[in-house]
Amino acid sequence: MTSNDSLDKLAQVLESRKGGDPETSYVARLFSKAPDAFLKKIGEEATEVVLACKDASHGGDKQKIVSETADLWFHSLVALSHYGLTPRDVLAELERRVGLSGLDEKAARKALGRDTEDRQK
């Protein structure tokens, strides 16, 4: 099984939980309280990834980065599903960016007014 297959399979499971019983399914609970529930979890998990990386920089367990990143990806997949998107949409965007300089890509976003750093200033 490839990583794409794993992501597709997980996406299918998430889709199957929409409208499920929030008392028996964590994913159904996230969907029932959408978007706030999964957005909160994405924020929490992103912070935990940062903290795990900082800890690993000082000799901490690198496996914690993997574990926290898996949690972040999972909750991001819930968000994608909620908005009618799939992991393949993200993979297509990443594939589009392959070979594109990060600086060039940032300049293109800036030219289109999509640069988040500029909007925050």
PDB file of N, CA and C in Angstrom:
ATOM      1  N   MET A   1       0.851  -1.174   0.000  1.00  0.00           N
ATOM      2  CA  MET A   1       0.000   0.000   0.000  1.00  0.00           C
ATOM      3  C   MET A   1       0.900   1.241   0.000  1.00  0.00           C
ATOM      4  N   THR A   2       0.587   2.220  -0.850  1.00  0.00           N
ATOM      5  CA  THR A   2       1.373   3.450  -0.909  1.00  0.00           C
ATOM      6  C   THR A   2       0.800   4.462   0.086  1.00  0.00           C
ATOM      7  N   SER A   3       1.572   5.533   0.307  1.00  0.00           N
ATOM      8  CA  SER A   3       1.084   6.569   1.205  1.00  0.00           C
ATOM      9  C   SER A   3      -0.161   7.226   0.628  1.00  0.00           C
ATOM     10  N   ASN A   4      -0.238   7.347  -0.707  1.00  0.00           N
ATOM     11  CA  ASN A   4      -1.448   7.895  -1.326  1.00  0.00           C
ATOM     12  C   ASN A   4      -2.647   7.007  -1.034  1.00  0.00           C
ATOM     13  N   ASP A   5      -2.445   5.683  -1.108  1.00  0.00           N
ATOM     14  CA  ASP A   5      -3.524   4.745  -0.795  1.00  0.00           C
ATOM     15  C   ASP A   5      -3.973   4.910   0.659  1.00  0.00           C
ATOM     16  N   SER A   6      -3.017   5.074   1.558  1.00  0.00           N
ATOM     17  CA  SER A   6      -3.341   5.248   2.974  1.00  0.00           C
ATOM     18  C   SER A   6      -4.145   6.520   3.194  1.00  0.00           C
ATOM     19  N   LEU A   7      -3.737   7.603   2.553  1.00  0.00           N
ATOM     20  CA  LEU A   7      -4.477   8.862   2.681  1.00  0.00           C
ATOM     21  C   LEU A   7      -5.881   8.732   2.099  1.00  0.00           C
ATOM     22  N   ASP A   8      -5.996   8.079   0.949  1.00  0.00           N
ATOM     23  CA  ASP A   8      -7.311   7.874   0.335  1.00  0.00           C
ATOM     24  C   ASP A   8      -8.210   7.037   1.239  1.00  0.00           C
ATOM     25  N   LYS A   9      -7.636   5.994   1.815  1.00  0.00           N
ATOM     26  CA  LYS A   9      -8.419   5.118   2.690  1.00  0.00           C
ATOM     27  C   LYS A   9      -8.892   5.888   3.918  1.00  0.00           C
ATOM     28  N   LEU A  10      -8.009   6.668   4.507  1.00  0.00           N
ATOM     29  CA  LEU A  10      -8.386   7.468   5.668  1.00  0.00           C
ATOM     30  C   LEU A  10      -9.463   8.487   5.282  1.00  0.00           C
ATOM     31  N   ALA A  11      -9.314   9.108   4.117  1.00  0.00           N
ATOM     32  CA  ALA A  11     -10.317  10.071   3.650  1.00  0.00           C
ATOM     33  C   ALA A  11     -11.686   9.398   3.502  1.00  0.00           C
ATOM     34  N   GLN A  12     -11.697   8.173   3.023  1.00  0.00           N
ATOM     35  CA  GLN A  12     -12.963   7.439   2.883  1.00  0.00           C
ATOM     36  C   GLN A  12     -13.584   7.152   4.249  1.00  0.00           C
ATOM     37  N   VAL A  13     -12.749   6.797   5.206  1.00  0.00           N
ATOM     38  CA  VAL A  13     -13.258   6.546   6.558  1.00  0.00           C
ATOM     39  C   VAL A  13     -13.855   7.829   7.134  1.00  0.00           C
ATOM     40  N   LEU A  14     -13.153   8.936   6.950  1.00  0.00           N
ATOM     41  CA  LEU A  14     -13.663  10.213   7.459  1.00  0.00           C
ATOM     42  C   LEU A  14     -15.009  10.548   6.820  1.00  0.00           C
ATOM     43  N   GLU A  15     -15.103  10.376   5.512  1.00  0.00           N
ATOM     44  CA  GLU A  15     -16.377  10.632   4.812  1.00  0.00           C
ATOM     45  C   GLU A  15     -17.498   9.769   5.386  1.00  0.00           C
ATOM     46  N   SER A  16     -17.183   8.534   5.707  1.00  0.00           N
ATOM     47  CA  SER A  16     -18.206   7.613   6.211  1.00  0.00           C
ATOM     48  C   SER A  16     -18.691   7.999   7.606  1.00  0.00           C
ATOM     49  N   ARG A  17     -17.936   8.827   8.293  1.00  0.00           N
ATOM     50  CA  ARG A  17     -18.317   9.242   9.650  1.00  0.00           C
ATOM     51  C   ARG A  17     -19.218  10.475   9.663  1.00  0.00           C
ATOM     52  N   LYS A  18     -19.339  11.153   8.514  1.00  0.00           N
ATOM     53  CA  LYS A  18     -20.213  12.327   8.452  1.00  0.00           C
ATOM     54  C   LYS A  18     -21.634  11.889   8.767  1.00  0.00           C
ATOM     55  N   GLY A  19     -22.260  12.599   9.667  1.00  0.00           N
ATOM     56  CA  GLY A  19     -23.622  12.262  10.053  1.00  0.00           C
ATOM     57  C   GLY A  19     -23.711  11.094  11.013  1.00  0.00           C
ATOM     58  N   GLY A  20     -22.553  10.576  11.433  1.00  0.00           N
ATOM     59  CA  GLY A  20     -22.547   9.469  12.383  1.00  0.00           C
ATOM     60  C   GLY A  20     -22.895   9.939  13.791  1.00  0.00           C
ATOM     61  N   ASP A  21     -22.921   9.003  14.692  1.00  0.00           N
ATOM     62  CA  ASP A  21     -23.288   9.279  16.079  1.00  0.00           C
ATOM     63  C   ASP A  21     -22.109   9.900  16.824  1.00  0.00           C
ATOM     64  N   PRO A  22     -22.235  11.158  17.242  1.00  0.00           N
ATOM     65  CA  PRO A  22     -21.149  11.823  17.968  1.00  0.00           C
ATOM     66  C   PRO A  22     -20.841  11.182  19.315  1.00  0.00           C
ATOM     67  N   GLU A  23     -21.753  10.361  19.806  1.00  0.00           N
ATOM     68  CA  GLU A  23     -21.524   9.681  21.082  1.00  0.00           C
ATOM     69  C   GLU A  23     -20.605   8.470  20.919  1.00  0.00           C
ATOM     70  N   THR A  24     -20.518   7.942  19.693  1.00  0.00           N
ATOM     71  CA  THR A  24     -19.730   6.720  19.487  1.00  0.00           C
ATOM     72  C   THR A  24     -18.545   6.924  18.544  1.00  0.00           C
ATOM     73  N   SER A  25     -18.458   8.100  17.917  1.00  0.00           N
ATOM     74  CA  SER A  25     -17.382   8.333  16.955  1.00  0.00           C
ATOM     75  C   SER A  25     -16.758   9.710  17.190  1.00  0.00           C
ATOM     76  N   TYR A  26     -15.458   9.721  17.431  1.00  0.00           N
ATOM     77  CA  TYR A  26     -14.727  10.971  17.619  1.00  0.00           C
ATOM     78  C   TYR A  26     -14.842  11.851  16.375  1.00  0.00           C
ATOM     79  N   VAL A  27     -14.704  11.244  15.200  1.00  0.00           N
ATOM     80  CA  VAL A  27     -14.782  12.008  13.952  1.00  0.00           C
ATOM     81  C   VAL A  27     -16.186  12.567  13.764  1.00  0.00           C
ATOM     82  N   ALA A  28     -17.201  11.781  14.037  1.00  0.00           N
ATOM     83  CA  ALA A  28     -18.577  12.275  13.949  1.00  0.00           C
ATOM     84  C   ALA A  28     -18.775  13.445  14.906  1.00  0.00           C
ATOM     85  N   ARG A  29     -18.156  13.381  16.064  1.00  0.00           N
ATOM     86  CA  ARG A  29     -18.247  14.483  17.026  1.00  0.00           C
ATOM     87  C   ARG A  29     -17.595  15.739  16.460  1.00  0.00           C
ATOM     88  N   LEU A  30     -16.427  15.588  15.827  1.00  0.00           N
ATOM     89  CA  LEU A  30     -15.773  16.745  15.208  1.00  0.00           C
ATOM     90  C   LEU A  30     -16.655  17.354  14.124  1.00  0.00           C
ATOM     91  N   PHE A  31     -17.238  16.498  13.279  1.00  0.00           N
ATOM     92  CA  PHE A  31     -18.119  16.994  12.222  1.00  0.00           C
ATOM     93  C   PHE A  31     -19.367  17.663  12.797  1.00  0.00           C
ATOM     94  N   SER A  32     -19.901  17.132  13.880  1.00  0.00           N
ATOM     95  CA  SER A  32     -21.133  17.688  14.456  1.00  0.00           C
ATOM     96  C   SER A  32     -20.895  19.067  15.069  1.00  0.00           C
ATOM     97  N   LYS A  33     -19.658  19.345  15.410  1.00  0.00           N
ATOM     98  CA  LYS A  33     -19.318  20.639  16.010  1.00  0.00           C
ATOM     99  C   LYS A  33     -18.455  21.473  15.070  1.00  0.00           C
ATOM    100  N   ALA A  34     -18.574  21.173  13.782  1.00  0.00           N
ATOM    101  CA  ALA A  34     -17.742  21.834  12.777  1.00  0.00           C
ATOM    102  C   ALA A  34     -18.182  23.284  12.580  1.00  0.00           C
ATOM    103  N   PRO A  35     -17.259  24.119  12.199  1.00  0.00           N
ATOM    104  CA  PRO A  35     -15.838  23.853  12.031  1.00  0.00           C
ATOM    105  C   PRO A  35     -15.032  24.080  13.297  1.00  0.00           C
ATOM    106  N   ASP A  36     -15.653  24.670  14.332  1.00  0.00           N
ATOM    107  CA  ASP A  36     -14.881  25.066  15.512  1.00  0.00           C
ATOM    108  C   ASP A  36     -14.106  23.921  16.146  1.00  0.00           C
ATOM    109  N   ALA A  37     -14.710  22.735  16.233  1.00  0.00           N
ATOM    110  CA  ALA A  37     -14.055  21.615  16.914  1.00  0.00           C
ATOM    111  C   ALA A  37     -12.764  21.210  16.217  1.00  0.00           C
ATOM    112  N   PHE A  38     -12.816  21.033  14.896  1.00  0.00           N
ATOM    113  CA  PHE A  38     -11.579  20.594  14.233  1.00  0.00           C
ATOM    114  C   PHE A  38     -10.599  21.749  14.066  1.00  0.00           C
ATOM    115  N   LEU A  39     -11.085  22.970  13.954  1.00  0.00           N
ATOM    116  CA  LEU A  39     -10.156  24.104  13.863  1.00  0.00           C
ATOM    117  C   LEU A  39      -9.375  24.267  15.159  1.00  0.00           C
ATOM    118  N   LYS A  40     -10.036  24.097  16.279  1.00  0.00           N
ATOM    119  CA  LYS A  40      -9.360  24.147  17.575  1.00  0.00           C
ATOM    120  C   LYS A  40      -8.297  23.053  17.664  1.00  0.00           C
ATOM    121  N   LYS A  41      -8.665  21.843  17.226  1.00  0.00           N
ATOM    122  CA  LYS A  41      -7.703  20.728  17.272  1.00  0.00           C
ATOM    123  C   LYS A  41      -6.515  20.975  16.340  1.00  0.00           C
ATOM    124  N   ILE A  42      -6.753  21.553  15.169  1.00  0.00           N
ATOM    125  CA  ILE A  42      -5.647  21.853  14.263  1.00  0.00           C
ATOM    126  C   ILE A  42      -4.684  22.830  14.933  1.00  0.00           C
ATOM    127  N   GLY A  43      -5.216  23.854  15.577  1.00  0.00           N
ATOM    128  CA  GLY A  43      -4.367  24.810  16.286  1.00  0.00           C
ATOM    129  C   GLY A  43      -3.574  24.147  17.396  1.00  0.00           C
ATOM    130  N   GLU A  44      -4.236  23.309  18.177  1.00  0.00           N
ATOM    131  CA  GLU A  44      -3.559  22.605  19.266  1.00  0.00           C
ATOM    132  C   GLU A  44      -2.458  21.693  18.734  1.00  0.00           C
ATOM    133  N   GLU A  45      -2.790  20.926  17.702  1.00  0.00           N
ATOM    134  CA  GLU A  45      -1.815  19.971  17.164  1.00  0.00           C
ATOM    135  C   GLU A  45      -0.638  20.684  16.504  1.00  0.00           C
ATOM    136  N   ALA A  46      -0.897  21.802  15.826  1.00  0.00           N
ATOM    137  CA  ALA A  46       0.206  22.566  15.218  1.00  0.00           C
ATOM    138  C   ALA A  46       1.162  23.050  16.304  1.00  0.00           C
ATOM    139  N   THR A  47       0.611  23.515  17.400  1.00  0.00           N
ATOM    140  CA  THR A  47       1.443  23.954  18.523  1.00  0.00           C
ATOM    141  C   THR A  47       2.244  22.789  19.081  1.00  0.00           C
ATOM    142  N   GLU A  48       1.621  21.635  19.181  1.00  0.00           N
ATOM    143  CA  GLU A  48       2.324  20.465  19.700  1.00  0.00           C
ATOM    144  C   GLU A  48       3.444  20.013  18.764  1.00  0.00           C
ATOM    145  N   VAL A  49       3.264  20.168  17.460  1.00  0.00           N
ATOM    146  CA  VAL A  49       4.341  19.864  16.515  1.00  0.00           C
ATOM    147  C   VAL A  49       5.512  20.814  16.760  1.00  0.00           C
ATOM    148  N   VAL A  50       5.218  22.087  16.905  1.00  0.00           N
ATOM    149  CA  VAL A  50       6.270  23.074  17.164  1.00  0.00           C
ATOM    150  C   VAL A  50       7.019  22.727  18.447  1.00  0.00           C
ATOM    151  N   LEU A  51       6.275  22.420  19.496  1.00  0.00           N
ATOM    152  CA  LEU A  51       6.917  22.091  20.770  1.00  0.00           C
ATOM    153  C   LEU A  51       7.752  20.816  20.672  1.00  0.00           C
ATOM    154  N   ALA A  52       7.262  19.827  19.947  1.00  0.00           N
ATOM    155  CA  ALA A  52       8.016  18.581  19.772  1.00  0.00           C
ATOM    156  C   ALA A  52       9.309  18.845  19.011  1.00  0.00           C
ATOM    157  N   CYS A  53       9.248  19.713  18.008  1.00  0.00           N
ATOM    158  CA  CYS A  53      10.460  20.059  17.246  1.00  0.00           C
ATOM    159  C   CYS A  53      11.453  20.802  18.127  1.00  0.00           C
ATOM    160  N   LYS A  54      10.951  21.739  18.911  1.00  0.00           N
ATOM    161  CA  LYS A  54      11.828  22.477  19.818  1.00  0.00           C
ATOM    162  C   LYS A  54      12.485  21.523  20.811  1.00  0.00           C
ATOM    163  N   ASP A  55      11.701  20.597  21.337  1.00  0.00           N
ATOM    164  CA  ASP A  55      12.223  19.625  22.296  1.00  0.00           C
ATOM    165  C   ASP A  55      13.280  18.736  21.642  1.00  0.00           C
ATOM    166  N   ALA A  56      13.013  18.293  20.408  1.00  0.00           N
ATOM    167  CA  ALA A  56      13.973  17.437  19.694  1.00  0.00           C
ATOM    168  C   ALA A  56      15.270  18.196  19.426  1.00  0.00           C
ATOM    169  N   SER A  57      15.185  19.504  19.258  1.00  0.00           N
ATOM    170  CA  SER A  57      16.388  20.318  19.046  1.00  0.00           C
ATOM    171  C   SER A  57      17.288  20.317  20.269  1.00  0.00           C
ATOM    172  N   HIS A  58      16.719  19.964  21.403  1.00  0.00           N
ATOM    173  CA  HIS A  58      17.475  19.925  22.652  1.00  0.00           C
ATOM    174  C   HIS A  58      17.608  18.500  23.175  1.00  0.00           C
ATOM    175  N   GLY A  59      17.625  17.547  22.248  1.00  0.00           N
ATOM    176  CA  GLY A  59      17.858  16.152  22.618  1.00  0.00           C
ATOM    177  C   GLY A  59      16.615  15.342  22.901  1.00  0.00           C
ATOM    178  N   GLY A  60      15.442  15.922  22.688  1.00  0.00           N
ATOM    179  CA  GLY A  60      14.198  15.196  22.938  1.00  0.00           C
ATOM    180  C   GLY A  60      13.932  14.126  21.893  1.00  0.00           C
ATOM    181  N   ASP A  61      12.879  13.385  22.119  1.00  0.00           N
ATOM    182  CA  ASP A  61      12.499  12.258  21.273  1.00  0.00           C
ATOM    183  C   ASP A  61      11.951  12.736  19.929  1.00  0.00           C
ATOM    184  N   LYS A  62      12.648  12.417  18.838  1.00  0.00           N
ATOM    185  CA  LYS A  62      12.209  12.814  17.500  1.00  0.00           C
ATOM    186  C   LYS A  62      10.934  12.104  17.088  1.00  0.00           C
ATOM    187  N   GLN A  63      10.666  10.941  17.665  1.00  0.00           N
ATOM    188  CA  GLN A  63       9.434  10.218  17.345  1.00  0.00           C
ATOM    189  C   GLN A  63       8.208  11.035  17.749  1.00  0.00           C
ATOM    190  N   LYS A  64       8.359  11.891  18.741  1.00  0.00           N
ATOM    191  CA  LYS A  64       7.258  12.758  19.165  1.00  0.00           C
ATOM    192  C   LYS A  64       6.853  13.697  18.025  1.00  0.00           C
ATOM    193  N   ILE A  65       7.822  14.116  17.217  1.00  0.00           N
ATOM    194  CA  ILE A  65       7.505  14.959  16.053  1.00  0.00           C
ATOM    195  C   ILE A  65       6.589  14.186  15.106  1.00  0.00           C
ATOM    196  N   VAL A  66       6.929  12.940  14.863  1.00  0.00           N
ATOM    197  CA  VAL A  66       6.128  12.096  13.966  1.00  0.00           C
ATOM    198  C   VAL A  66       4.716  11.925  14.530  1.00  0.00           C
ATOM    199  N   SER A  67       4.617  11.626  15.793  1.00  0.00           N
ATOM    200  CA  SER A  67       3.323  11.401  16.430  1.00  0.00           C
ATOM    201  C   SER A  67       2.452  12.661  16.383  1.00  0.00           C
ATOM    202  N   GLU A  68       3.032  13.785  16.713  1.00  0.00           N
ATOM    203  CA  GLU A  68       2.259  15.030  16.707  1.00  0.00           C
ATOM    204  C   GLU A  68       1.906  15.461  15.283  1.00  0.00           C
ATOM    205  N   THR A  69       2.801  15.214  14.333  1.00  0.00           N
ATOM    206  CA  THR A  69       2.498  15.535  12.942  1.00  0.00           C
ATOM    207  C   THR A  69       1.356  14.663  12.430  1.00  0.00           C
ATOM    208  N   ALA A  70       1.339  13.401  12.824  1.00  0.00           N
ATOM    209  CA  ALA A  70       0.227  12.522  12.444  1.00  0.00           C
ATOM    210  C   ALA A  70      -1.090  13.071  12.978  1.00  0.00           C
ATOM    211  N   ASP A  71      -1.090  13.561  14.216  1.00  0.00           N
ATOM    212  CA  ASP A  71      -2.305  14.162  14.778  1.00  0.00           C
ATOM    213  C   ASP A  71      -2.719  15.398  13.988  1.00  0.00           C
ATOM    214  N   LEU A  72      -1.746  16.229  13.624  1.00  0.00           N
ATOM    215  CA  LEU A  72      -2.036  17.431  12.847  1.00  0.00           C
ATOM    216  C   LEU A  72      -2.602  17.073  11.479  1.00  0.00           C
ATOM    217  N   TRP A  73      -1.968  16.123  10.808  1.00  0.00           N
ATOM    218  CA  TRP A  73      -2.450  15.694   9.489  1.00  0.00           C
ATOM    219  C   TRP A  73      -3.862  15.133   9.593  1.00  0.00           C
ATOM    220  N   PHE A  74      -4.117  14.325  10.617  1.00  0.00           N
ATOM    221  CA  PHE A  74      -5.433  13.731  10.786  1.00  0.00           C
ATOM    222  C   PHE A  74      -6.508  14.810  10.879  1.00  0.00           C
ATOM    223  N   HIS A  75      -6.292  15.780  11.756  1.00  0.00           N
ATOM    224  CA  HIS A  75      -7.292  16.823  11.933  1.00  0.00           C
ATOM    225  C   HIS A  75      -7.389  17.721  10.699  1.00  0.00           C
ATOM    226  N   SER A  76      -6.295  17.878   9.980  1.00  0.00           N
ATOM    227  CA  SER A  76      -6.334  18.619   8.714  1.00  0.00           C
ATOM    228  C   SER A  76      -7.157  17.855   7.678  1.00  0.00           C
ATOM    229  N   LEU A  77      -7.065  16.529   7.695  1.00  0.00           N
ATOM    230  CA  LEU A  77      -7.874  15.715   6.784  1.00  0.00           C
ATOM    231  C   LEU A  77      -9.360  15.835   7.117  1.00  0.00           C
ATOM    232  N   VAL A  78      -9.676  15.967   8.399  1.00  0.00           N
ATOM    233  CA  VAL A  78     -11.076  16.197   8.783  1.00  0.00           C
ATOM    234  C   VAL A  78     -11.541  17.521   8.178  1.00  0.00           C
ATOM    235  N   ALA A  79     -10.697  18.556   8.272  1.00  0.00           N
ATOM    236  CA  ALA A  79     -11.051  19.859   7.698  1.00  0.00           C
ATOM    237  C   ALA A  79     -11.243  19.754   6.191  1.00  0.00           C
ATOM    238  N   LEU A  80     -10.328  19.071   5.508  1.00  0.00           N
ATOM    239  CA  LEU A  80     -10.472  18.897   4.064  1.00  0.00           C
ATOM    240  C   LEU A  80     -11.810  18.244   3.738  1.00  0.00           C
ATOM    241  N   SER A  81     -12.129  17.189   4.450  1.00  0.00           N
ATOM    242  CA  SER A  81     -13.373  16.465   4.210  1.00  0.00           C
ATOM    243  C   SER A  81     -14.580  17.381   4.431  1.00  0.00           C
ATOM    244  N   HIS A  82     -14.549  18.139   5.495  1.00  0.00           N
ATOM    245  CA  HIS A  82     -15.654  19.051   5.802  1.00  0.00           C
ATOM    246  C   HIS A  82     -15.905  20.023   4.649  1.00  0.00           C
ATOM    247  N   TYR A  83     -14.836  20.492   4.032  1.00  0.00           N
ATOM    248  CA  TYR A  83     -14.951  21.478   2.957  1.00  0.00           C
ATOM    249  C   TYR A  83     -15.011  20.845   1.566  1.00  0.00           C
ATOM    250  N   GLY A  84     -15.225  19.526   1.528  1.00  0.00           N
ATOM    251  CA  GLY A  84     -15.401  18.848   0.249  1.00  0.00           C
ATOM    252  C   GLY A  84     -14.112  18.660  -0.530  1.00  0.00           C
ATOM    253  N   LEU A  85     -13.000  18.655   0.178  1.00  0.00           N
ATOM    254  CA  LEU A  85     -11.694  18.475  -0.450  1.00  0.00           C
ATOM    255  C   LEU A  85     -11.119  17.127  -0.057  1.00  0.00           C
ATOM    256  N   THR A  86     -10.070  16.707  -0.758  1.00  0.00           N
ATOM    257  CA  THR A  86      -9.455  15.408  -0.489  1.00  0.00           C
ATOM    258  C   THR A  86      -7.942  15.554  -0.371  1.00  0.00           C
ATOM    259  N   PRO A  87      -7.294  14.530   0.158  1.00  0.00           N
ATOM    260  CA  PRO A  87      -5.829  14.549   0.186  1.00  0.00           C
ATOM    261  C   PRO A  87      -5.238  14.706  -1.217  1.00  0.00           C
ATOM    262  N   ARG A  88      -5.915  14.178  -2.217  1.00  0.00           N
ATOM    263  CA  ARG A  88      -5.424  14.301  -3.593  1.00  0.00           C
ATOM    264  C   ARG A  88      -5.358  15.766  -4.031  1.00  0.00           C
ATOM    265  N   ASP A  89      -6.268  16.601  -3.520  1.00  0.00           N
ATOM    266  CA  ASP A  89      -6.215  18.031  -3.842  1.00  0.00           C
ATOM    267  C   ASP A  89      -4.927  18.653  -3.308  1.00  0.00           C
ATOM    268  N   VAL A  90      -4.554  18.274  -2.106  1.00  0.00           N
ATOM    269  CA  VAL A  90      -3.324  18.798  -1.507  1.00  0.00           C
ATOM    270  C   VAL A  90      -2.105  18.241  -2.243  1.00  0.00           C
ATOM    271  N   LEU A  91      -2.143  16.954  -2.545  1.00  0.00           N
ATOM    272  CA  LEU A  91      -1.024  16.350  -3.271  1.00  0.00           C
ATOM    273  C   LEU A  91      -0.840  16.990  -4.646  1.00  0.00           C
ATOM    274  N   ALA A  92      -1.943  17.302  -5.311  1.00  0.00           N
ATOM    275  CA  ALA A  92      -1.853  17.965  -6.617  1.00  0.00           C
ATOM    276  C   ALA A  92      -1.188  19.333  -6.479  1.00  0.00           C
ATOM    277  N   GLU A  93      -1.521  20.052  -5.413  1.00  0.00           N
ATOM    278  CA  GLU A  93      -0.896  21.364  -5.185  1.00  0.00           C
ATOM    279  C   GLU A  93       0.597  21.212  -4.895  1.00  0.00           C
ATOM    280  N   LEU A  94       0.945  20.216  -4.094  1.00  0.00           N
ATOM    281  CA  LEU A  94       2.366  19.976  -3.816  1.00  0.00           C
ATOM    282  C   LEU A  94       3.114  19.586  -5.087  1.00  0.00           C
ATOM    283  N   GLU A  95       2.493  18.741  -5.904  1.00  0.00           N
ATOM    284  CA  GLU A  95       3.115  18.349  -7.170  1.00  0.00           C
ATOM    285  C   GLU A  95       3.288  19.552  -8.091  1.00  0.00           C
ATOM    286  N   ARG A  96       2.325  20.471  -8.069  1.00  0.00           N
ATOM    287  CA  ARG A  96       2.427  21.683  -8.877  1.00  0.00           C
ATOM    288  C   ARG A  96       3.639  22.513  -8.454  1.00  0.00           C
ATOM    289  N   ARG A  97       3.944  22.453  -7.179  1.00  0.00           N
ATOM    290  CA  ARG A  97       5.039  23.261  -6.640  1.00  0.00           C
ATOM    291  C   ARG A  97       6.414  22.619  -6.799  1.00  0.00           C
ATOM    292  N   VAL A  98       6.472  21.343  -7.124  1.00  0.00           N
ATOM    293  CA  VAL A  98       7.757  20.670  -7.279  1.00  0.00           C
ATOM    294  C   VAL A  98       8.561  21.381  -8.363  1.00  0.00           C
ATOM    295  N   GLY A  99       9.785  21.699  -8.024  1.00  0.00           N
ATOM    296  CA  GLY A  99      10.662  22.365  -8.980  1.00  0.00           C
ATOM    297  C   GLY A  99      10.473  23.869  -9.019  1.00  0.00           C
ATOM    298  N   LEU A 100       9.506  24.372  -8.270  1.00  0.00           N
ATOM    299  CA  LEU A 100       9.269  25.805  -8.213  1.00  0.00           C
ATOM    300  C   LEU A 100       9.998  26.355  -6.997  1.00  0.00           C
ATOM    301  N   SER A 101      10.792  27.348  -7.212  1.00  0.00           N
ATOM    302  CA  SER A 101      11.502  27.970  -6.107  1.00  0.00           C
ATOM    303  C   SER A 101      10.501  28.500  -5.096  1.00  0.00           C
ATOM    304  N   GLY A 102      10.778  28.260  -3.826  1.00  0.00           N
ATOM    305  CA  GLY A 102       9.919  28.794  -2.779  1.00  0.00           C
ATOM    306  C   GLY A 102       9.822  30.306  -2.842  1.00  0.00           C
ATOM    307  N   LEU A 103      10.913  30.949  -3.203  1.00  0.00           N
ATOM    308  CA  LEU A 103      10.905  32.406  -3.321  1.00  0.00           C
ATOM    309  C   LEU A 103      10.041  32.847  -4.498  1.00  0.00           C
ATOM    310  N   ASP A 104      10.121  32.103  -5.613  1.00  0.00           N
ATOM    311  CA  ASP A 104       9.288  32.427  -6.774  1.00  0.00           C
ATOM    312  C   ASP A 104       7.809  32.204  -6.462  1.00  0.00           C
ATOM    313  N   GLU A 105       7.516  31.109  -5.755  1.00  0.00           N
ATOM    314  CA  GLU A 105       6.135  30.795  -5.412  1.00  0.00           C
ATOM    315  C   GLU A 105       5.576  31.881  -4.493  1.00  0.00           C
ATOM    316  N   LYS A 106       6.377  32.325  -3.530  1.00  0.00           N
ATOM    317  CA  LYS A 106       5.947  33.386  -2.617  1.00  0.00           C
ATOM    318  C   LYS A 106       5.715  34.680  -3.383  1.00  0.00           C
ATOM    319  N   ALA A 107       6.581  34.999  -4.329  1.00  0.00           N
ATOM    320  CA  ALA A 107       6.425  36.209  -5.137  1.00  0.00           C
ATOM    321  C   ALA A 107       5.146  36.142  -5.966  1.00  0.00           C
ATOM    322  N   ALA A 108       4.831  34.953  -6.487  1.00  0.00           N
ATOM    323  CA  ALA A 108       3.610  34.798  -7.278  1.00  0.00           C
ATOM    324  C   ALA A 108       2.375  35.011  -6.405  1.00  0.00           C
ATOM    325  N   ARG A 109       2.391  34.486  -5.180  1.00  0.00           N
ATOM    326  CA  ARG A 109       1.267  34.698  -4.260  1.00  0.00           C
ATOM    327  C   ARG A 109       1.134  36.177  -3.920  1.00  0.00           C
ATOM    328  N   LYS A 110       2.268  36.818  -3.698  1.00  0.00           N
ATOM    329  CA  LYS A 110       2.261  38.240  -3.362  1.00  0.00           C
ATOM    330  C   LYS A 110       1.651  39.051  -4.504  1.00  0.00           C
ATOM    331  N   ALA A 111       2.024  38.713  -5.729  1.00  0.00           N
ATOM    332  CA  ALA A 111       1.498  39.418  -6.898  1.00  0.00           C
ATOM    333  C   ALA A 111      -0.017  39.244  -7.016  1.00  0.00           C
ATOM    334  N   LEU A 112      -0.518  38.109  -6.556  1.00  0.00           N
ATOM    335  CA  LEU A 112      -1.958  37.843  -6.607  1.00  0.00           C
ATOM    336  C   LEU A 112      -2.679  38.325  -5.348  1.00  0.00           C
ATOM    337  N   GLY A 113      -1.917  38.899  -4.401  1.00  0.00           N
ATOM    338  CA  GLY A 113      -2.526  39.382  -3.169  1.00  0.00           C
ATOM    339  C   GLY A 113      -2.913  38.283  -2.216  1.00  0.00           C
ATOM    340  N   ARG A 114      -2.243  37.131  -2.317  1.00  0.00           N
ATOM    341  CA  ARG A 114      -2.590  35.977  -1.479  1.00  0.00           C
ATOM    342  C   ARG A 114      -1.542  35.694  -0.429  1.00  0.00           C
ATOM    343  N   ASP A 115      -0.596  36.570  -0.236  1.00  0.00           N
ATOM    344  CA  ASP A 115       0.477  36.313   0.723  1.00  0.00           C
ATOM    345  C   ASP A 115      -0.006  36.641   2.132  1.00  0.00           C
ATOM    346  N   THR A 116      -0.086  35.650   3.003  1.00  0.00           N
ATOM    347  CA  THR A 116      -0.620  35.855   4.342  1.00  0.00           C
ATOM    348  C   THR A 116       0.264  36.776   5.177  1.00  0.00           C
ATOM    349  N   GLU A 117       1.557  36.741   4.975  1.00  0.00           N
ATOM    350  CA  GLU A 117       2.428  37.615   5.756  1.00  0.00           C
ATOM    351  C   GLU A 117       2.110  39.072   5.460  1.00  0.00           C
ATOM    352  N   ASP A 118       1.855  39.402   4.201  1.00  0.00           N
ATOM    353  CA  ASP A 118       1.560  40.778   3.841  1.00  0.00           C
ATOM    354  C   ASP A 118       0.211  41.208   4.405  1.00  0.00           C
ATOM    355  N   ARG A 119      -0.753  40.303   4.492  1.00  0.00           N
ATOM    356  CA  ARG A 119      -2.070  40.651   5.005  1.00  0.00           C
ATOM    357  C   ARG A 119      -2.021  40.912   6.504  1.00  0.00           C
ATOM    358  N   GLN A 120      -1.044  40.319   7.181  1.00  0.00           N
ATOM    359  CA  GLN A 120      -0.956  40.484   8.624  1.00  0.00           C
ATOM    360  C   GLN A 120      -0.287  41.795   9.005  1.00  0.00           C
ATOM    361  N   LYS A 121       0.381  42.437   8.076  1.00  0.00           N
ATOM    362  CA  LYS A 121       1.099  43.678   8.384  1.00  0.00           C
ATOM    363  C   LYS A 121       0.188  44.864   8.342  1.00  0.00           C
TER     364      LYS A 121
END
